[in-house]
């Protein structure tokens, strides 16, 4: 595969990150210690125009930590589980 083509595909897939509200924010907000509040991170995500892209990225890539698209790993796990159930029922 042409590496330039691969790089173009990769950067296109991640182009949404340039518009993310969290860009430049304290990343510790999005990767809190166990039991710490996620309220501030979720508030930043709530007003973000690319939160759906971010959430889909995290679900697709299997991100296990942090707040992505306004959701915690537990919330994303529920979505993955529901998608798997739906895929089995329709497939």
N, C-alpha and C. Protein backbone atom coordinates (compact mmCIF):
# COMPACT_ATOMS: atom_id res chain seq x y z
N UNK A 1 0.84 -1.18 0.00
CA UNK A 1 0.00 0.00 0.00
C UNK A 1 0.89 1.24 0.00
N UNK A 2 0.47 2.21 -0.75
CA UNK A 2 1.17 3.48 -0.82
C UNK A 2 1.10 4.16 0.56
N UNK A 3 2.24 4.46 1.16
CA UNK A 3 2.25 5.04 2.52
C UNK A 3 1.61 6.43 2.53
N UNK A 4 1.72 7.17 1.44
CA UNK A 4 1.09 8.49 1.38
C UNK A 4 -0.42 8.35 1.46
N UNK A 5 -0.96 7.37 0.76
CA UNK A 5 -2.40 7.13 0.80
C UNK A 5 -2.82 6.75 2.22
N UNK A 6 -2.05 5.89 2.86
CA UNK A 6 -2.34 5.48 4.23
C UNK A 6 -2.33 6.69 5.16
N UNK A 7 -1.33 7.54 5.03
CA UNK A 7 -1.24 8.74 5.87
C UNK A 7 -2.42 9.67 5.63
N UNK A 8 -2.85 9.81 4.36
CA UNK A 8 -4.01 10.65 4.05
C UNK A 8 -5.28 10.10 4.71
N UNK A 9 -5.47 8.80 4.62
CA UNK A 9 -6.64 8.18 5.23
C UNK A 9 -6.60 8.36 6.73
N UNK A 10 -5.45 8.15 7.33
CA UNK A 10 -5.30 8.27 8.77
C UNK A 10 -5.59 9.69 9.23
N UNK A 11 -5.03 10.68 8.55
CA UNK A 11 -5.23 12.07 8.98
C UNK A 11 -6.65 12.53 8.70
N UNK A 12 -7.29 12.03 7.64
CA UNK A 12 -8.68 12.38 7.40
C UNK A 12 -9.55 11.84 8.52
N UNK A 13 -9.29 10.63 8.94
CA UNK A 13 -10.08 10.01 9.99
C UNK A 13 -9.96 10.77 11.31
N UNK A 14 -8.85 11.44 11.51
CA UNK A 14 -8.62 12.15 12.77
C UNK A 14 -8.75 13.66 12.64
N UNK A 15 -9.17 14.13 11.49
CA UNK A 15 -9.28 15.57 11.25
C UNK A 15 -10.23 16.24 12.25
N UNK A 16 -11.22 15.50 12.73
CA UNK A 16 -12.17 16.06 13.69
C UNK A 16 -11.48 16.54 14.96
N UNK A 17 -10.33 15.96 15.29
CA UNK A 17 -9.64 16.33 16.52
C UNK A 17 -9.21 17.80 16.52
N UNK A 18 -9.00 18.34 15.35
CA UNK A 18 -8.60 19.76 15.25
C UNK A 18 -9.70 20.69 15.75
N UNK A 19 -10.95 20.23 15.69
CA UNK A 19 -12.08 21.07 16.08
C UNK A 19 -12.62 20.73 17.47
N UNK A 20 -11.98 19.82 18.16
CA UNK A 20 -12.47 19.36 19.46
C UNK A 20 -12.32 20.43 20.54
N UNK A 21 -13.34 20.56 21.38
CA UNK A 21 -13.31 21.52 22.49
C UNK A 21 -12.20 21.21 23.49
N UNK A 22 -11.82 19.95 23.58
CA UNK A 22 -10.81 19.56 24.57
C UNK A 22 -9.39 19.91 24.12
N UNK A 23 -9.25 20.29 22.88
CA UNK A 23 -7.92 20.62 22.36
C UNK A 23 -7.33 21.77 23.19
N UNK A 24 -6.23 21.50 23.81
CA UNK A 24 -5.57 22.51 24.64
C UNK A 24 -6.03 22.50 26.10
N UNK A 25 -7.06 21.71 26.39
CA UNK A 25 -7.54 21.63 27.78
C UNK A 25 -6.64 20.70 28.59
N UNK A 26 -6.76 20.78 29.88
CA UNK A 26 -5.99 19.92 30.78
C UNK A 26 -6.45 18.47 30.58
N UNK A 27 -5.58 17.64 30.06
CA UNK A 27 -5.94 16.26 29.76
C UNK A 27 -6.25 15.44 31.00
N UNK A 28 -5.78 15.88 32.15
CA UNK A 28 -6.10 15.18 33.40
C UNK A 28 -7.61 15.19 33.67
N UNK A 29 -8.31 16.19 33.14
CA UNK A 29 -9.77 16.22 33.30
C UNK A 29 -10.42 15.03 32.60
N UNK A 30 -9.82 14.60 31.50
CA UNK A 30 -10.41 13.54 30.68
C UNK A 30 -9.91 12.15 31.07
N UNK A 31 -8.90 12.11 31.91
CA UNK A 31 -8.36 10.85 32.41
C UNK A 31 -8.21 10.95 33.93
N UNK A 32 -9.36 11.08 34.62
CA UNK A 32 -9.32 11.30 36.07
C UNK A 32 -8.91 10.05 36.84
N UNK A 33 -8.43 10.29 38.03
CA UNK A 33 -8.13 9.17 38.94
C UNK A 33 -9.44 8.45 39.25
N UNK A 34 -9.33 7.19 39.60
CA UNK A 34 -10.51 6.40 39.94
C UNK A 34 -11.32 7.11 41.04
N UNK A 35 -12.60 7.27 40.79
CA UNK A 35 -13.49 7.90 41.76
C UNK A 35 -13.56 9.41 41.66
N UNK A 36 -12.68 10.03 40.88
CA UNK A 36 -12.70 11.49 40.73
C UNK A 36 -13.84 11.91 39.81
N UNK A 37 -14.24 13.13 39.92
CA UNK A 37 -15.36 13.65 39.13
C UNK A 37 -15.00 13.75 37.64
N UNK A 38 -15.98 13.45 36.82
CA UNK A 38 -15.84 13.59 35.37
C UNK A 38 -16.72 14.73 34.86
N UNK A 39 -17.31 15.45 35.77
CA UNK A 39 -18.27 16.49 35.43
C UNK A 39 -17.70 17.56 34.50
N UNK A 40 -16.50 18.06 34.79
CA UNK A 40 -15.91 19.12 33.96
C UNK A 40 -15.61 18.61 32.55
N UNK A 41 -15.05 17.42 32.46
CA UNK A 41 -14.75 16.85 31.15
C UNK A 41 -16.03 16.67 30.33
N UNK A 42 -17.05 16.14 30.97
CA UNK A 42 -18.31 15.91 30.27
C UNK A 42 -18.97 17.22 29.86
N UNK A 43 -18.78 18.27 30.64
CA UNK A 43 -19.32 19.59 30.28
C UNK A 43 -18.61 20.13 29.04
N UNK A 44 -17.31 19.95 28.97
CA UNK A 44 -16.54 20.38 27.80
C UNK A 44 -17.03 19.60 26.57
N UNK A 45 -17.20 18.31 26.73
CA UNK A 45 -17.68 17.47 25.63
C UNK A 45 -19.11 17.84 25.22
N UNK A 46 -19.92 18.19 26.19
CA UNK A 46 -21.32 18.47 25.91
C UNK A 46 -21.53 19.58 24.90
N UNK A 47 -20.63 20.54 24.89
CA UNK A 47 -20.74 21.67 23.97
C UNK A 47 -19.89 21.49 22.72
N UNK A 48 -19.33 20.32 22.52
CA UNK A 48 -18.39 20.09 21.43
C UNK A 48 -19.12 19.66 20.15
N UNK A 49 -18.73 20.24 19.04
CA UNK A 49 -19.37 19.93 17.76
C UNK A 49 -18.92 18.60 17.18
N UNK A 50 -17.83 18.04 17.68
CA UNK A 50 -17.32 16.78 17.14
C UNK A 50 -17.40 15.64 18.15
N UNK A 51 -18.26 15.78 19.16
CA UNK A 51 -18.32 14.77 20.20
C UNK A 51 -18.77 13.42 19.66
N UNK A 52 -19.64 13.40 18.63
CA UNK A 52 -20.07 12.13 18.06
C UNK A 52 -18.91 11.42 17.36
N UNK A 53 -18.08 12.19 16.66
CA UNK A 53 -16.89 11.61 16.02
C UNK A 53 -15.93 11.06 17.07
N UNK A 54 -15.76 11.80 18.13
CA UNK A 54 -14.88 11.41 19.22
C UNK A 54 -15.38 10.12 19.88
N UNK A 55 -16.67 10.08 20.15
CA UNK A 55 -17.26 8.90 20.77
C UNK A 55 -17.11 7.68 19.86
N UNK A 56 -17.40 7.87 18.59
CA UNK A 56 -17.29 6.75 17.65
C UNK A 56 -15.85 6.26 17.55
N UNK A 57 -14.90 7.18 17.55
CA UNK A 57 -13.49 6.82 17.53
C UNK A 57 -13.16 5.93 18.73
N UNK A 58 -13.58 6.36 19.91
CA UNK A 58 -13.28 5.61 21.14
C UNK A 58 -13.93 4.24 21.14
N UNK A 59 -15.16 4.16 20.67
CA UNK A 59 -15.86 2.87 20.62
C UNK A 59 -15.20 1.96 19.61
N UNK A 60 -14.92 2.48 18.44
CA UNK A 60 -14.31 1.68 17.37
C UNK A 60 -12.91 1.21 17.74
N UNK A 61 -12.14 2.06 18.35
CA UNK A 61 -10.75 1.73 18.70
C UNK A 61 -10.65 0.99 20.04
N UNK A 62 -11.76 0.88 20.75
CA UNK A 62 -11.74 0.16 22.03
C UNK A 62 -11.00 0.88 23.13
N UNK A 63 -11.08 2.21 23.13
CA UNK A 63 -10.43 2.99 24.19
C UNK A 63 -10.98 2.55 25.54
N UNK A 64 -10.10 2.18 26.43
CA UNK A 64 -10.51 1.65 27.73
C UNK A 64 -10.45 2.67 28.85
N UNK A 65 -9.88 3.82 28.59
CA UNK A 65 -9.70 4.80 29.64
C UNK A 65 -10.16 6.17 29.18
N UNK A 66 -10.60 6.96 30.11
CA UNK A 66 -10.88 8.36 29.85
C UNK A 66 -12.29 8.65 29.37
N UNK A 67 -12.54 9.94 29.26
CA UNK A 67 -13.81 10.45 28.76
C UNK A 67 -13.61 10.77 27.28
N UNK A 68 -14.42 10.18 26.46
CA UNK A 68 -14.38 10.39 25.01
C UNK A 68 -15.80 10.64 24.55
N UNK A 69 -16.02 11.73 23.83
CA UNK A 69 -17.36 12.03 23.35
C UNK A 69 -18.36 12.19 24.47
N UNK A 70 -17.88 12.58 25.62
CA UNK A 70 -18.75 12.82 26.76
C UNK A 70 -19.14 11.57 27.53
N UNK A 71 -18.50 10.44 27.23
CA UNK A 71 -18.86 9.20 27.91
C UNK A 71 -17.66 8.51 28.53
N UNK A 72 -17.91 7.86 29.66
CA UNK A 72 -16.88 7.10 30.35
C UNK A 72 -16.74 5.73 29.69
N UNK A 73 -15.74 4.99 30.11
CA UNK A 73 -15.55 3.63 29.58
C UNK A 73 -16.76 2.77 29.87
N UNK A 74 -17.32 2.88 31.05
CA UNK A 74 -18.51 2.08 31.40
C UNK A 74 -19.66 2.39 30.45
N UNK A 75 -19.86 3.67 30.15
CA UNK A 75 -20.94 4.06 29.23
C UNK A 75 -20.66 3.57 27.81
N UNK A 76 -19.40 3.65 27.40
CA UNK A 76 -19.04 3.16 26.05
C UNK A 76 -19.18 1.65 25.97
N UNK A 77 -18.85 0.96 27.05
CA UNK A 77 -18.98 -0.50 27.09
C UNK A 77 -20.43 -0.91 26.86
N UNK A 78 -21.36 -0.18 27.46
CA UNK A 78 -22.79 -0.44 27.26
C UNK A 78 -23.17 -0.31 25.78
N UNK A 79 -22.65 0.71 25.14
CA UNK A 79 -22.94 0.92 23.72
C UNK A 79 -22.37 -0.23 22.89
N UNK A 80 -21.12 -0.63 23.17
CA UNK A 80 -20.52 -1.74 22.42
C UNK A 80 -21.32 -3.03 22.62
N UNK A 81 -21.74 -3.26 23.84
CA UNK A 81 -22.53 -4.46 24.14
C UNK A 81 -23.85 -4.43 23.38
N UNK A 82 -24.53 -3.28 23.38
CA UNK A 82 -25.81 -3.15 22.68
C UNK A 82 -25.61 -3.34 21.18
N UNK A 83 -24.54 -2.79 20.64
CA UNK A 83 -24.26 -2.96 19.21
C UNK A 83 -24.01 -4.43 18.88
N UNK A 84 -23.32 -5.13 19.75
CA UNK A 84 -23.05 -6.56 19.52
C UNK A 84 -24.35 -7.35 19.55
N UNK A 85 -25.23 -7.05 20.46
CA UNK A 85 -26.53 -7.72 20.55
C UNK A 85 -27.33 -7.46 19.28
N UNK A 86 -27.37 -6.21 18.87
CA UNK A 86 -28.11 -5.84 17.66
C UNK A 86 -27.54 -6.53 16.44
N UNK A 87 -26.20 -6.58 16.33
CA UNK A 87 -25.56 -7.25 15.20
C UNK A 87 -25.90 -8.74 15.16
N UNK A 88 -25.93 -9.38 16.32
CA UNK A 88 -26.28 -10.81 16.37
C UNK A 88 -27.73 -11.04 15.95
N UNK A 89 -28.60 -10.13 16.37
CA UNK A 89 -30.03 -10.28 16.07
C UNK A 89 -30.33 -10.03 14.59
N UNK A 90 -29.58 -9.12 13.97
CA UNK A 90 -29.83 -8.79 12.57
C UNK A 90 -28.97 -9.58 11.61
N UNK A 91 -27.89 -10.16 12.12
CA UNK A 91 -26.92 -10.82 11.24
C UNK A 91 -27.13 -12.25 11.14
